[in-house]
Structure formats: C-alpha cells, structure tokens
Amino acid sequence: MNSIVRTREFKSVPKVSREKTASKKKLRSVSLIYVPLHLGGAHRGVSMGPAAMKVAEVAEKIEKLGLNVAEEIDIDVPRSVCWGDQTTAKCIPEILKVSQDVSDAVDDALANGHIPVTIGGDHSLAIGSIAGVSKHFKRIKKEFGLVWFDAHGDINTPATSSSGNVHGMPLAISLGRGDSRLVELNDYQPKVPRNRTALIGIRALDEPERDLIDDCGVAAFTMKDIDHLGLPEVMNRALGAIGGDISGLHVSFDLDVIDPDVAPGVSTDSRGGLNYRESHLALELLAETDLVTSVDIVELNPALDVRNRTAELGTELILSVLGKRIL
C-alpha cells in the first residue's frame, strides 16, 4: 500500500501553554452519550455497542479514575428498514434526526464543562458529535482539531459510494462534502477545516477515497506510515499538522483501526491494524497534550465479539484518552 502522505512538512507536537493545561484540568466531569446507531450500514449488531460498554462498567471505571460521570444520556434511534433504499445515501432523514440529537447533547455537555464521550453505534454518529463540538467552539470563538482513527477513510460522498452506506461518509460530511441535509446540520459547514484534521491508521480505502483524501488535503497517515515512522512520530506529525493554536481536540476512534486479533468485535474488520499497546499509546500521547475535550468510541459490534473483549478494550481506551497513566 502506498503512503498517502509523502512530501508535506509537519511541525512538531504543539506546546501546550500553562493556561490551556490549567483549563483542561478543570474539566473533571464526563458526560456519557450512548448512541445505538445502526442505520449507517447493514450491521445490526452495532446497535448493541453501548449496552456492551455498560456491561464493561465504563461509567464505574471512569469514576475510579477520579473523574465524575455527571450524566449518562441514551439517544433514541428510530426503528427503520431504510437500508432497502435505492438512493445514493441511505437513511438520511433518520440519521439526520439522530445527528441533531447527538449534536445537542455534545454541545450541552461542553457548555456545562463536561467531557462528552459518545459511544456507538456506527461511525455515522460522528456527524452529530463533531457538529456539536464545532457549534461549541464556534460560539466561544476558538479553534479545535480533529484526530480520526480508522481502518477506512470514511470520506466517501453519495457520488463515490458504491453502497450508499452513510457510515462510510461522516468525515467527508464534517469537512463539508456530501448530502446537503447532513452537511448543513446546525446551518453551516464545514464543521472542521481540513487543515485541522488528521486521519490515522487507514489501510482499507475505496479507490475514489484516495483521490478525495488528496483533494481534501487532510493530514492522512496509513499503517505503512506507522510501520515506517513509528507511532510516536506519526502522532507528532499529526498534531503538528493540526497546529498548536487550538483550544481543544475531538478524538473519533473507530475500533476497527485495531487489528481484529486484538479487537474482534467490529463490523468491518481489516487485518494489519494497530496492536494493543499502539492503540493505548496513541491515546496516551493525546491525553498528555491536555487538549482532549471530547471523544467518540464507535463501531463496536458485540454480535461479533468474544466474551465482550472488544467492549472491555474500548473501555480501557477511554480511560487512556482521559488521562490514565501507568505511573
């Protein structure tokens, strides 16, 4: 697989000011937002993802870390058979409703000083979570960055998708490309600029996505880049590309970025992904920036899991990105 990033120069990891660090340390409360969304693709098992994370005691373990779980919100997802749509983007009205509800919940959590952790559910939920983060930072007139972990690009549009499944489109939608109803959520677009976005761990791209990634100009790092450069350097370059003048980071973590030998409970697995320690290290490095203000954990499919192993891993990863340390 050819590396997508070839010649672009990246700055080093942005230095975090004392003011930003102090501000982040005040965010000691978490809002857990459960989104059993399964409409982005034909994988019903992902609707059970939030329930599996509850079984893994995600709330209790966050509180053991020393954070307060201020609220737990269950987002309602319409019952639908819209996968039968013959349109170029399936289930748009239903996904739009869920996206608005998720956006409102994330925006409210940030406004109340909480860290929203959105648990899914398929990756189309990120349309709403990123919209909510964007609305918050737009209101306070500050910038945020997006770090997107995924085996796939998720940057298709209705014009390039062969399936019409929206869970393959959320990054494009957040960047301002795709179905106008989703793109214009909260009445503006894009939700995040391309120069504030890094895509990490990709290895299973649809052919049109290669051109879309180059055309969009996001900082994209394949598994070959991670193999060649090492994960710390990739994280360094990703954060450098996003820039040091941001006030927050949204982390959208698709569990299929991890190798299926480690995380079997995902709908669209792809061999050759991150191993256990690389997954934790990536999120630990982000936590050390003191800039993480919101998180997605998505694409958990308990129907394909082994003894809830992937849900347990997802819970551990949330703890890492929230600041859990070995020492």
C-alpha atoms as a PDB file:
ATOM      1  CA  MET A   1       0.000   0.000   0.000  1.00  0.00           C
ATOM      2  CA  ASN A   2       1.380   3.383  -0.933  1.00  0.00           C
ATOM      3  CA  SER A   3       1.691   6.005   1.747  1.00  0.00           C
ATOM      4  CA  ILE A   4      -0.709   8.878   1.194  1.00  0.00           C
ATOM      5  CA  VAL A   5       1.484  11.410   2.982  1.00  0.00           C
ATOM      6  CA  ARG A   6       4.668  11.849   1.011  1.00  0.00           C
ATOM      7  CA  THR A   7       6.262  15.254   0.939  1.00  0.00           C
ATOM      8  CA  ARG A   8       4.283  17.528   3.224  1.00  0.00           C
ATOM      9  CA  GLU A   9       6.286  19.076   6.059  1.00  0.00           C
ATOM     10  CA  PHE A  10       4.824  18.789   9.528  1.00  0.00           C
ATOM     11  CA  LYS A  11       5.642  20.784  12.590  1.00  0.00           C
ATOM     12  CA  SER A  12       6.385  19.145  15.910  1.00  0.00           C
ATOM     13  CA  VAL A  13       3.758  18.462  18.571  1.00  0.00           C
ATOM     14  CA  PRO A  14       2.307  21.795  19.657  1.00  0.00           C
ATOM     15  CA  LYS A  15       3.470  23.026  23.028  1.00  0.00           C
ATOM     16  CA  VAL A  16       0.606  23.422  25.447  1.00  0.00           C
ATOM     17  CA  SER A  17       0.533  26.644  27.415  1.00  0.00           C
ATOM     18  CA  ARG A  18       0.058  26.632  31.176  1.00  0.00           C
ATOM     19  CA  GLU A  19      -3.232  28.428  30.654  1.00  0.00           C
ATOM     20  CA  LYS A  20      -4.552  25.659  28.417  1.00  0.00           C
ATOM     21  CA  THR A  21      -3.290  22.968  30.758  1.00  0.00           C
ATOM     22  CA  ALA A  22      -4.953  24.557  33.755  1.00  0.00           C
ATOM     23  CA  SER A  23      -8.188  24.982  31.805  1.00  0.00           C
ATOM     24  CA  LYS A  24      -8.215  21.322  30.802  1.00  0.00           C
ATOM     25  CA  LYS A  25      -7.542  20.133  34.353  1.00  0.00           C
ATOM     26  CA  LYS A  26     -10.726  21.853  35.467  1.00  0.00           C
ATOM     27  CA  LEU A  27     -12.733  19.528  33.191  1.00  0.00           C
ATOM     28  CA  ARG A  28     -13.192  16.813  35.791  1.00  0.00           C
ATOM     29  CA  SER A  29     -16.665  15.683  34.747  1.00  0.00           C
ATOM     30  CA  VAL A  30     -17.689  13.385  31.917  1.00  0.00           C
ATOM     31  CA  SER A  31     -20.972  13.049  30.025  1.00  0.00           C
ATOM     32  CA  LEU A  32     -21.504   9.568  28.613  1.00  0.00           C
ATOM     33  CA  ILE A  33     -23.682   9.711  25.498  1.00  0.00           C
ATOM     34  CA  TYR A  34     -24.869   6.307  24.286  1.00  0.00           C
ATOM     35  CA  VAL A  35     -25.861   6.168  20.616  1.00  0.00           C
ATOM     36  CA  PRO A  36     -27.089   2.719  19.445  1.00  0.00           C
ATOM     37  CA  LEU A  37     -26.994   3.853  15.824  1.00  0.00           C
ATOM     38  CA  HIS A  38     -27.073   1.094  13.227  1.00  0.00           C
ATOM     39  CA  LEU A  39     -28.515   2.957  10.233  1.00  0.00           C
ATOM     40  CA  GLY A  40     -25.191   3.909   8.661  1.00  0.00           C
ATOM     41  CA  GLY A  41     -24.655   0.394   7.346  1.00  0.00           C
ATOM     42  CA  ALA A  42     -26.244  -3.046   7.267  1.00  0.00           C
ATOM     43  CA  HIS A  43     -24.726  -4.261  10.544  1.00  0.00           C
ATOM     44  CA  ARG A  44     -27.454  -4.582  13.150  1.00  0.00           C
ATOM     45  CA  GLY A  45     -25.089  -5.748  15.855  1.00  0.00           C
ATOM     46  CA  VAL A  46     -23.576  -2.271  16.297  1.00  0.00           C
ATOM     47  CA  SER A  47     -26.797  -1.123  17.941  1.00  0.00           C
ATOM     48  CA  MET A  48     -25.751  -3.245  20.935  1.00  0.00           C
ATOM     49  CA  GLY A  49     -22.416  -1.457  21.312  1.00  0.00           C
ATOM     50  CA  PRO A  50     -23.481   0.975  24.055  1.00  0.00           C
ATOM     51  CA  ALA A  51     -25.077  -1.840  26.064  1.00  0.00           C
ATOM     52  CA  ALA A  52     -21.853  -3.856  25.875  1.00  0.00           C
ATOM     53  CA  MET A  53     -19.872  -0.868  27.151  1.00  0.00           C
ATOM     54  CA  LYS A  54     -22.273  -0.565  30.066  1.00  0.00           C
ATOM     55  CA  VAL A  55     -21.688  -4.259  30.828  1.00  0.00           C
ATOM     56  CA  ALA A  56     -17.953  -3.460  30.779  1.00  0.00           C
ATOM     57  CA  GLU A  57     -18.712  -0.885  33.525  1.00  0.00           C
ATOM     58  CA  VAL A  58     -17.446   2.104  31.593  1.00  0.00           C
ATOM     59  CA  ALA A  59     -19.062   4.617  33.959  1.00  0.00           C
ATOM     60  CA  GLU A  60     -17.781   2.931  37.093  1.00  0.00           C
ATOM     61  CA  LYS A  61     -14.239   2.679  35.729  1.00  0.00           C
ATOM     62  CA  ILE A  62     -14.196   6.350  34.725  1.00  0.00           C
ATOM     63  CA  GLU A  63     -15.187   7.286  38.250  1.00  0.00           C
ATOM     64  CA  LYS A  64     -12.433   5.047  39.666  1.00  0.00           C
ATOM     65  CA  LEU A  65     -10.039   7.117  37.560  1.00  0.00           C
ATOM     66  CA  GLY A  66     -11.036  10.134  39.629  1.00  0.00           C
ATOM     67  CA  LEU A  67     -13.458  11.739  37.200  1.00  0.00           C
ATOM     68  CA  ASN A  68     -17.112  12.387  37.888  1.00  0.00           C
ATOM     69  CA  VAL A  69     -19.670  10.920  35.484  1.00  0.00           C
ATOM     70  CA  ALA A  70     -22.059  13.852  35.566  1.00  0.00           C
ATOM     71  CA  GLU A  71     -24.695  12.286  33.305  1.00  0.00           C
ATOM     72  CA  GLU A  72     -25.468   9.294  31.143  1.00  0.00           C
ATOM     73  CA  ILE A  73     -27.644  10.036  28.114  1.00  0.00           C
ATOM     74  CA  ASP A  74     -29.326   7.476  25.869  1.00  0.00           C
ATOM     75  CA  ILE A  75     -30.009   8.816  22.382  1.00  0.00           C
ATOM     76  CA  ASP A  76     -33.130   7.404  20.746  1.00  0.00           C
ATOM     77  CA  VAL A  77     -32.583   5.810  17.343  1.00  0.00           C
ATOM     78  CA  PRO A  78     -35.604   5.329  15.060  1.00  0.00           C
ATOM     79  CA  ARG A  79     -36.578   1.800  14.139  1.00  0.00           C
ATOM     80  CA  SER A  80     -36.253   1.624  10.392  1.00  0.00           C
ATOM     81  CA  VAL A  81     -35.841  -0.650   7.393  1.00  0.00           C
ATOM     82  CA  CYS A  82     -34.348   2.158   5.328  1.00  0.00           C
ATOM     83  CA  TRP A  83     -31.377   0.006   4.269  1.00  0.00           C
ATOM     84  CA  GLY A  84     -33.629  -1.039   1.409  1.00  0.00           C
ATOM     85  CA  ASP A  85     -33.374   2.467  -0.025  1.00  0.00           C
ATOM     86  CA  GLN A  86     -32.159   2.534  -3.603  1.00  0.00           C
ATOM     87  CA  THR A  87     -30.819   6.047  -3.107  1.00  0.00           C
ATOM     88  CA  THR A  88     -27.184   7.106  -3.208  1.00  0.00           C
ATOM     89  CA  ALA A  89     -27.206   7.749   0.544  1.00  0.00           C
ATOM     90  CA  LYS A  90     -29.437   5.568   2.701  1.00  0.00           C
ATOM     91  CA  CYS A  91     -31.452   6.525   5.783  1.00  0.00           C
ATOM     92  CA  ILE A  92     -30.696  10.255   5.581  1.00  0.00           C
ATOM     93  CA  PRO A  93     -33.842  11.506   7.417  1.00  0.00           C
ATOM     94  CA  GLU A  94     -33.362   9.036  10.257  1.00  0.00           C
ATOM     95  CA  ILE A  95     -29.630   9.709  10.578  1.00  0.00           C
ATOM     96  CA  LEU A  96     -30.278  13.457  10.436  1.00  0.00           C
ATOM     97  CA  LYS A  97     -32.618  13.217  13.433  1.00  0.00           C
ATOM     98  CA  VAL A  98     -30.093  11.223  15.456  1.00  0.00           C
ATOM     99  CA  SER A  99     -27.283  13.574  14.403  1.00  0.00           C
ATOM    100  CA  GLN A 100     -29.196  16.594  15.653  1.00  0.00           C
ATOM    101  CA  ASP A 101     -29.888  14.912  18.994  1.00  0.00           C
ATOM    102  CA  VAL A 102     -26.230  13.910  19.374  1.00  0.00           C
ATOM    103  CA  SER A 103     -25.075  17.397  18.390  1.00  0.00           C
ATOM    104  CA  ASP A 104     -27.313  18.979  21.016  1.00  0.00           C
ATOM    105  CA  ALA A 105     -26.155  16.561  23.727  1.00  0.00           C
ATOM    106  CA  VAL A 106     -22.463  17.113  22.950  1.00  0.00           C
ATOM    107  CA  ASP A 107     -22.862  20.895  22.760  1.00  0.00           C
ATOM    108  CA  ASP A 108     -24.728  20.935  26.091  1.00  0.00           C
ATOM    109  CA  ALA A 109     -22.067  18.777  27.750  1.00  0.00           C
ATOM    110  CA  LEU A 110     -19.255  21.076  26.641  1.00  0.00           C
ATOM    111  CA  ALA A 111     -21.220  24.155  27.681  1.00  0.00           C
ATOM    112  CA  ASN A 112     -21.565  22.627  31.159  1.00  0.00           C
ATOM    113  CA  GLY A 113     -17.834  21.975  31.412  1.00  0.00           C
ATOM    114  CA  HIS A 114     -18.072  18.212  30.840  1.00  0.00           C
ATOM    115  CA  ILE A 115     -16.080  15.993  28.502  1.00  0.00           C
ATOM    116  CA  PRO A 116     -18.626  14.320  26.191  1.00  0.00           C
ATOM    117  CA  VAL A 117     -17.758  10.697  25.444  1.00  0.00           C
ATOM    118  CA  THR A 118     -20.010   9.425  22.677  1.00  0.00           C
ATOM    119  CA  ILE A 119     -20.306   5.638  22.493  1.00  0.00           C
ATOM    120  CA  GLY A 120     -21.717   3.805  19.495  1.00  0.00           C
ATOM    121  CA  GLY A 121     -23.040   2.574  17.347  1.00  0.00           C
ATOM    122  CA  ASP A 122     -21.710   3.038  13.817  1.00  0.00           C
ATOM    123  CA  HIS A 123     -19.377   5.844  12.819  1.00  0.00           C
ATOM    124  CA  SER A 124     -22.119   7.960  11.267  1.00  0.00           C
ATOM    125  CA  LEU A 125     -22.764   9.165  14.831  1.00  0.00           C
ATOM    126  CA  ALA A 126     -19.667  11.356  14.391  1.00  0.00           C
ATOM    127  CA  ILE A 127     -21.711  13.590  12.081  1.00  0.00           C
ATOM    128  CA  GLY A 128     -23.591  14.716  15.181  1.00  0.00           C
ATOM    129  CA  SER A 129     -20.767  14.644  17.711  1.00  0.00           C
ATOM    130  CA  ILE A 130     -18.442  16.751  15.551  1.00  0.00           C
ATOM    131  CA  ALA A 131     -21.312  19.128  14.766  1.00  0.00           C
ATOM    132  CA  GLY A 132     -21.866  19.603  18.499  1.00  0.00           C
ATOM    133  CA  VAL A 133     -18.168  20.180  19.182  1.00  0.00           C
ATOM    134  CA  SER A 134     -17.973  22.612  16.285  1.00  0.00           C
ATOM    135  CA  LYS A 135     -21.010  24.539  17.477  1.00  0.00           C
ATOM    136  CA  HIS A 136     -19.490  24.906  20.935  1.00  0.00           C
ATOM    137  CA  PHE A 137     -16.132  26.175  19.698  1.00  0.00           C
ATOM    138  CA  LYS A 138     -17.783  28.446  17.151  1.00  0.00           C
ATOM    139  CA  ARG A 139     -19.838  30.003  19.951  1.00  0.00           C
ATOM    140  CA  ILE A 140     -16.797  30.671  22.142  1.00  0.00           C
ATOM    141  CA  LYS A 141     -14.786  31.825  19.096  1.00  0.00           C
ATOM    142  CA  LYS A 142     -11.985  29.288  19.462  1.00  0.00           C
ATOM    143  CA  GLU A 143     -10.467  26.598  17.236  1.00  0.00           C
ATOM    144  CA  PHE A 144     -10.440  22.820  17.711  1.00  0.00           C
ATOM    145  CA  GLY A 145      -8.747  19.948  15.931  1.00  0.00           C
ATOM    146  CA  LEU A 146      -9.990  16.516  14.876  1.00  0.00           C
ATOM    147  CA  VAL A 147      -7.977  13.294  15.189  1.00  0.00           C
ATOM    148  CA  TRP A 148      -9.771  10.462  13.382  1.00  0.00           C
ATOM    149  CA  PHE A 149      -8.590   6.858  13.887  1.00  0.00           C
ATOM    150  CA  ASP A 150      -9.924   4.382  11.340  1.00  0.00           C
ATOM    151  CA  ALA A 151      -9.010   1.479   9.085  1.00  0.00           C
ATOM    152  CA  HIS A 152     -11.140   3.180   6.444  1.00  0.00           C
ATOM    153  CA  GLY A 153     -11.267   6.690   5.042  1.00  0.00           C
ATOM    154  CA  ASP A 154     -14.951   7.358   5.818  1.00  0.00           C
ATOM    155  CA  ILE A 155     -14.612  10.159   3.304  1.00  0.00           C
ATOM    156  CA  ASN A 156     -16.930   8.904   0.567  1.00  0.00           C
ATOM    157  CA  THR A 157     -19.762  11.040  -0.773  1.00  0.00           C
ATOM    158  CA  PRO A 158     -23.042   9.866  -2.318  1.00  0.00           C
ATOM    159  CA  ALA A 159     -21.380  10.330  -5.701  1.00  0.00           C
ATOM    160  CA  THR A 160     -18.466   7.996  -4.885  1.00  0.00           C
ATOM    161  CA  SER A 161     -20.029   5.408  -2.569  1.00  0.00           C
ATOM    162  CA  SER A 162     -20.860   2.040  -4.108  1.00  0.00           C
ATOM    163  CA  SER A 163     -23.141   1.082  -1.192  1.00  0.00           C
ATOM    164  CA  GLY A 164     -24.853   4.310  -0.113  1.00  0.00           C
ATOM    165  CA  ASN A 165     -23.959   3.483   3.500  1.00  0.00           C
ATOM    166  CA  VAL A 166     -23.559   6.709   5.445  1.00  0.00           C
ATOM    167  CA  HIS A 167     -21.088   5.206   7.934  1.00  0.00           C
ATOM    168  CA  GLY A 168     -18.583   5.493   5.065  1.00  0.00           C
ATOM    169  CA  MET A 169     -19.251   9.245   4.716  1.00  0.00           C
ATOM    170  CA  PRO A 170     -19.052  11.029   8.109  1.00  0.00           C
ATOM    171  CA  LEU A 171     -15.574  12.520   7.700  1.00  0.00           C
ATOM    172  CA  ALA A 172     -16.488  13.939   4.292  1.00  0.00           C
ATOM    173  CA  ILE A 173     -19.708  15.373   5.738  1.00  0.00           C
ATOM    174  CA  SER A 174     -17.816  17.012   8.609  1.00  0.00           C
ATOM    175  CA  LEU A 175     -15.445  18.556   6.055  1.00  0.00           C
ATOM    176  CA  GLY A 176     -18.401  19.975   4.109  1.00  0.00           C
ATOM    177  CA  ARG A 177     -18.885  17.378   1.359  1.00  0.00           C
ATOM    178  CA  GLY A 178     -21.850  15.111   0.775  1.00  0.00           C
ATOM    179  CA  ASP A 179     -25.617  15.166   1.214  1.00  0.00           C
ATOM    180  CA  SER A 180     -26.597  18.773   1.919  1.00  0.00           C
ATOM    181  CA  ARG A 181     -29.082  17.815   4.651  1.00  0.00           C
ATOM    182  CA  LEU A 182     -26.288  16.346   6.770  1.00  0.00           C
ATOM    183  CA  VAL A 183     -23.603  18.785   5.667  1.00  0.00           C
ATOM    184  CA  GLU A 184     -25.752  21.765   6.722  1.00  0.00           C
ATOM    185  CA  LEU A 185     -26.585  20.410  10.182  1.00  0.00           C
ATOM    186  CA  ASN A 186     -26.751  23.407  12.558  1.00  0.00           C
ATOM    187  CA  ASP A 187     -26.994  25.622   9.446  1.00  0.00           C
ATOM    188  CA  TYR A 188     -23.344  25.933   8.481  1.00  0.00           C
ATOM    189  CA  GLN A 189     -20.443  23.969   7.042  1.00  0.00           C
ATOM    190  CA  PRO A 190     -17.752  22.747   7.218  1.00  0.00           C
ATOM    191  CA  LYS A 191     -17.777  21.659  10.836  1.00  0.00           C
ATOM    192  CA  VAL A 192     -13.996  21.323  10.908  1.00  0.00           C
ATOM    193  CA  PRO A 193     -11.423  22.750   8.476  1.00  0.00           C
ATOM    194  CA  ARG A 194      -9.296  20.304   6.534  1.00  0.00           C
ATOM    195  CA  ASN A 195      -6.092  21.811   7.984  1.00  0.00           C
ATOM    196  CA  ARG A 196      -7.334  20.957  11.486  1.00  0.00           C
ATOM    197  CA  THR A 197      -7.915  17.286  10.658  1.00  0.00           C
ATOM    198  CA  ALA A 198      -5.688  14.208  10.884  1.00  0.00           C
ATOM    199  CA  LEU A 199      -6.664  10.698   9.741  1.00  0.00           C
ATOM    200  CA  ILE A 200      -4.630   7.871  11.294  1.00  0.00           C
ATOM    201  CA  GLY A 201      -4.380   4.112  10.687  1.00  0.00           C
ATOM    202  CA  ILE A 202      -6.006   3.817   7.258  1.00  0.00           C
ATOM    203  CA  ARG A 203      -5.365   0.684   5.222  1.00  0.00           C
ATOM    204  CA  ALA A 204      -8.666  -0.280   3.504  1.00  0.00           C
ATOM    205  CA  LEU A 205      -9.673   2.542   1.167  1.00  0.00           C
ATOM    206  CA  ASP A 206     -12.208   2.575  -1.632  1.00  0.00           C
ATOM    207  CA  GLU A 207     -10.495   3.713  -4.820  1.00  0.00           C
ATOM    208  CA  PRO A 208     -12.312   7.091  -5.011  1.00  0.00           C
ATOM    209  CA  GLU A 209     -11.321   7.820  -1.397  1.00  0.00           C
ATOM    210  CA  ARG A 210      -7.663   8.062  -2.375  1.00  0.00           C
ATOM    211  CA  ASP A 211      -8.463  10.985  -4.645  1.00  0.00           C
ATOM    212  CA  LEU A 212     -10.850  12.509  -2.089  1.00  0.00           C
ATOM    213  CA  ILE A 213      -8.174  12.439   0.632  1.00  0.00           C
ATOM    214  CA  ASP A 214      -5.651  14.101  -1.665  1.00  0.00           C
ATOM    215  CA  ASP A 215      -8.240  16.621  -2.833  1.00  0.00           C
ATOM    216  CA  CYS A 216      -9.391  17.481   0.689  1.00  0.00           C
ATOM    217  CA  GLY A 217      -5.832  17.943   1.873  1.00  0.00           C
ATOM    218  CA  VAL A 218      -6.256  16.393   5.314  1.00  0.00           C
ATOM    219  CA  ALA A 219      -3.159  15.013   7.014  1.00  0.00           C
ATOM    220  CA  ALA A 220      -3.513  11.273   6.394  1.00  0.00           C
ATOM    221  CA  PHE A 221      -1.319   8.521   7.823  1.00  0.00           C
ATOM    222  CA  THR A 222      -1.530   4.931   6.661  1.00  0.00           C
ATOM    223  CA  MET A 223      -0.451   1.837   8.552  1.00  0.00           C
ATOM    224  CA  LYS A 224       2.634   1.889   6.335  1.00  0.00           C
ATOM    225  CA  ASP A 225       3.474   5.310   7.757  1.00  0.00           C
ATOM    226  CA  ILE A 226       3.098   3.908  11.283  1.00  0.00           C
ATOM    227  CA  ASP A 227       5.278   0.907  10.409  1.00  0.00           C
ATOM    228  CA  HIS A 228       7.913   3.110   8.775  1.00  0.00           C
ATOM    229  CA  LEU A 229       7.987   6.097  11.122  1.00  0.00           C
ATOM    230  CA  GLY A 230       6.747   4.601  14.380  1.00  0.00           C
ATOM    231  CA  LEU A 231       3.565   5.611  16.150  1.00  0.00           C
ATOM    232  CA  PRO A 232       5.078   8.412  18.281  1.00  0.00           C
ATOM    233  CA  GLU A 233       6.406  10.173  15.184  1.00  0.00           C
ATOM    234  CA  VAL A 234       3.081   9.771  13.381  1.00  0.00           C
ATOM    235  CA  MET A 235       1.266  11.290  16.345  1.00  0.00           C
ATOM    236  CA  ASN A 236       3.857  14.061  16.449  1.00  0.00           C
ATOM    237  CA  ARG A 237       3.287  14.864  12.768  1.00  0.00           C
ATOM    238  CA  ALA A 238      -0.497  14.608  13.058  1.00  0.00           C
ATOM    239  CA  LEU A 239      -0.612  17.092  15.916  1.00  0.00           C
ATOM    240  CA  GLY A 240       1.875  19.321  14.169  1.00  0.00           C
ATOM    241  CA  ALA A 241      -0.342  19.379  11.081  1.00  0.00           C
ATOM    242  CA  ILE A 242      -3.358  20.370  13.179  1.00  0.00           C
ATOM    243  CA  GLY A 243      -1.346  23.157  14.792  1.00  0.00           C
ATOM    244  CA  GLY A 244      -0.575  24.463  18.234  1.00  0.00           C
ATOM    245  CA  ASP A 245      -3.079  27.313  18.273  1.00  0.00           C
ATOM    246  CA  ILE A 246      -6.120  25.180  19.085  1.00  0.00           C
ATOM    247  CA  SER A 247      -8.105  25.095  22.323  1.00  0.00           C
ATOM    248  CA  GLY A 248      -9.408  21.528  22.095  1.00  0.00           C
ATOM    249  CA  LEU A 249      -9.168  18.163  20.340  1.00  0.00           C
ATOM    250  CA  HIS A 250     -12.001  15.882  19.327  1.00  0.00           C
ATOM    251  CA  VAL A 251     -10.882  12.254  19.111  1.00  0.00           C
ATOM    252  CA  SER A 252     -13.030   9.993  16.934  1.00  0.00           C
ATOM    253  CA  PHE A 253     -11.829   6.416  17.419  1.00  0.00           C
ATOM    254  CA  ASP A 254     -13.170   3.611  15.246  1.00  0.00           C
ATOM    255  CA  LEU A 255     -12.315   0.312  16.919  1.00  0.00           C
ATOM    256  CA  ASP A 256     -11.634  -1.263  13.522  1.00  0.00           C
ATOM    257  CA  VAL A 257      -8.370   0.720  13.393  1.00  0.00           C
ATOM    258  CA  ILE A 258      -7.120  -2.029  15.726  1.00  0.00           C
ATOM    259  CA  ASP A 259      -6.095  -5.415  14.344  1.00  0.00           C
ATOM    260  CA  PRO A 260      -9.003  -7.896  14.577  1.00  0.00           C
ATOM    261  CA  ASP A 261      -6.829 -10.328  16.531  1.00  0.00           C
ATOM    262  CA  VAL A 262      -6.965  -7.720  19.320  1.00  0.00           C
ATOM    263  CA  ALA A 263     -10.426  -6.244  18.654  1.00  0.00           C
ATOM    264  CA  PRO A 264     -12.627  -8.913  17.027  1.00  0.00           C
ATOM    265  CA  GLY A 265     -15.950  -7.235  17.836  1.00  0.00           C
ATOM    266  CA  VAL A 266     -16.220  -4.852  14.889  1.00  0.00           C
ATOM    267  CA  SER A 267     -18.374  -4.992  11.763  1.00  0.00           C
ATOM    268  CA  THR A 268     -15.794  -4.176   9.075  1.00  0.00           C
ATOM    269  CA  ASP A 269     -12.500  -5.582  10.277  1.00  0.00           C
ATOM    270  CA  SER A 270      -9.244  -5.282   8.359  1.00  0.00           C
ATOM    271  CA  ARG A 271      -6.067  -7.157   9.184  1.00  0.00           C
ATOM    272  CA  GLY A 272      -2.832  -5.323   9.813  1.00  0.00           C
ATOM    273  CA  GLY A 273      -4.098  -2.699  12.251  1.00  0.00           C
ATOM    274  CA  LEU A 274      -2.802  -1.214  15.472  1.00  0.00           C
ATOM    275  CA  ASN A 275      -1.809  -3.628  18.199  1.00  0.00           C
ATOM    276  CA  TYR A 276      -2.912  -3.383  21.822  1.00  0.00           C
ATOM    277  CA  ARG A 277      -0.087  -1.183  23.061  1.00  0.00           C
ATOM    278  CA  GLU A 278      -0.059   1.065  19.975  1.00  0.00           C
ATOM    279  CA  SER A 279      -3.756   1.779  20.492  1.00  0.00           C
ATOM    280  CA  HIS A 280      -3.210   2.803  24.079  1.00  0.00           C
ATOM    281  CA  LEU A 281      -0.029   4.738  23.295  1.00  0.00           C
ATOM    282  CA  ALA A 282      -1.784   6.839  20.637  1.00  0.00           C
ATOM    283  CA  LEU A 283      -4.455   7.910  23.106  1.00  0.00           C
ATOM    284  CA  GLU A 284      -2.000   8.350  25.975  1.00  0.00           C
ATOM    285  CA  LEU A 285       0.019  10.740  23.806  1.00  0.00           C
ATOM    286  CA  LEU A 286      -3.128  12.724  23.026  1.00  0.00           C
ATOM    287  CA  ALA A 287      -4.046  12.822  26.716  1.00  0.00           C
ATOM    288  CA  GLU A 288      -0.611  14.271  27.504  1.00  0.00           C
ATOM    289  CA  THR A 289      -1.354  17.316  25.336  1.00  0.00           C
ATOM    290  CA  ASP A 290      -4.083  18.319  27.838  1.00  0.00           C
ATOM    291  CA  LEU A 291      -6.207  19.305  24.837  1.00  0.00           C
ATOM    292  CA  VAL A 292      -8.696  16.421  24.546  1.00  0.00           C
ATOM    293  CA  THR A 293     -12.164  17.854  25.142  1.00  0.00           C
ATOM    294  CA  SER A 294     -14.410  15.220  23.505  1.00  0.00           C
ATOM    295  CA  VAL A 295     -14.242  11.598  22.375  1.00  0.00           C
ATOM    296  CA  ASP A 296     -16.074   9.071  20.164  1.00  0.00           C
ATOM    297  CA  ILE A 297     -15.689   5.306  20.512  1.00  0.00           C
ATOM    298  CA  VAL A 298     -17.524   3.649  17.622  1.00  0.00           C
ATOM    299  CA  GLU A 299     -18.245   0.527  15.555  1.00  0.00           C
ATOM    300  CA  LEU A 300     -18.332  -1.907  18.476  1.00  0.00           C
ATOM    301  CA  ASN A 301     -20.359  -4.941  17.370  1.00  0.00           C
ATOM    302  CA  PRO A 302     -20.993  -7.313  20.295  1.00  0.00           C
ATOM    303  CA  ALA A 303     -22.568  -9.863  17.943  1.00  0.00           C
ATOM    304  CA  LEU A 304     -19.080 -10.484  16.566  1.00  0.00           C
ATOM    305  CA  ASP A 305     -17.165 -10.100  19.815  1.00  0.00           C
ATOM    306  CA  VAL A 306     -15.585 -12.767  22.012  1.00  0.00           C
ATOM    307  CA  ARG A 307     -16.679 -12.631  25.683  1.00  0.00           C
ATOM    308  CA  ASN A 308     -17.103  -8.838  25.480  1.00  0.00           C
ATOM    309  CA  ARG A 309     -13.363  -8.471  24.863  1.00  0.00           C
ATOM    310  CA  THR A 310     -13.646  -5.537  22.470  1.00  0.00           C
ATOM    311  CA  ALA A 311     -16.018  -3.684  24.779  1.00  0.00           C
ATOM    312  CA  GLU A 312     -13.531  -4.143  27.603  1.00  0.00           C
ATOM    313  CA  LEU A 313     -10.794  -2.792  25.333  1.00  0.00           C
ATOM    314  CA  GLY A 314     -12.964   0.169  24.314  1.00  0.00           C
ATOM    315  CA  THR A 315     -13.462   0.985  27.989  1.00  0.00           C
ATOM    316  CA  GLU A 316      -9.711   0.787  28.627  1.00  0.00           C
ATOM    317  CA  LEU A 317      -9.059   3.122  25.692  1.00  0.00           C
ATOM    318  CA  ILE A 318     -11.495   5.682  27.061  1.00  0.00           C
ATOM    319  CA  LEU A 319      -9.548   5.632  30.322  1.00  0.00           C
ATOM    320  CA  SER A 320      -6.294   6.178  28.441  1.00  0.00           C
ATOM    321  CA  VAL A 321      -7.559   9.178  26.491  1.00  0.00           C
ATOM    322  CA  LEU A 322      -8.999  10.631  29.698  1.00  0.00           C
ATOM    323  CA  GLY A 323      -5.559  10.530  31.292  1.00  0.00           C
ATOM    324  CA  LYS A 324      -4.989   7.164  32.950  1.00  0.00           C
ATOM    325  CA  ARG A 325      -1.281   6.594  33.451  1.00  0.00           C
ATOM    326  CA  ILE A 326       0.903   3.647  34.397  1.00  0.00           C
ATOM    327  CA  LEU A 327       2.839   5.814  36.890  1.00  0.00           C
END
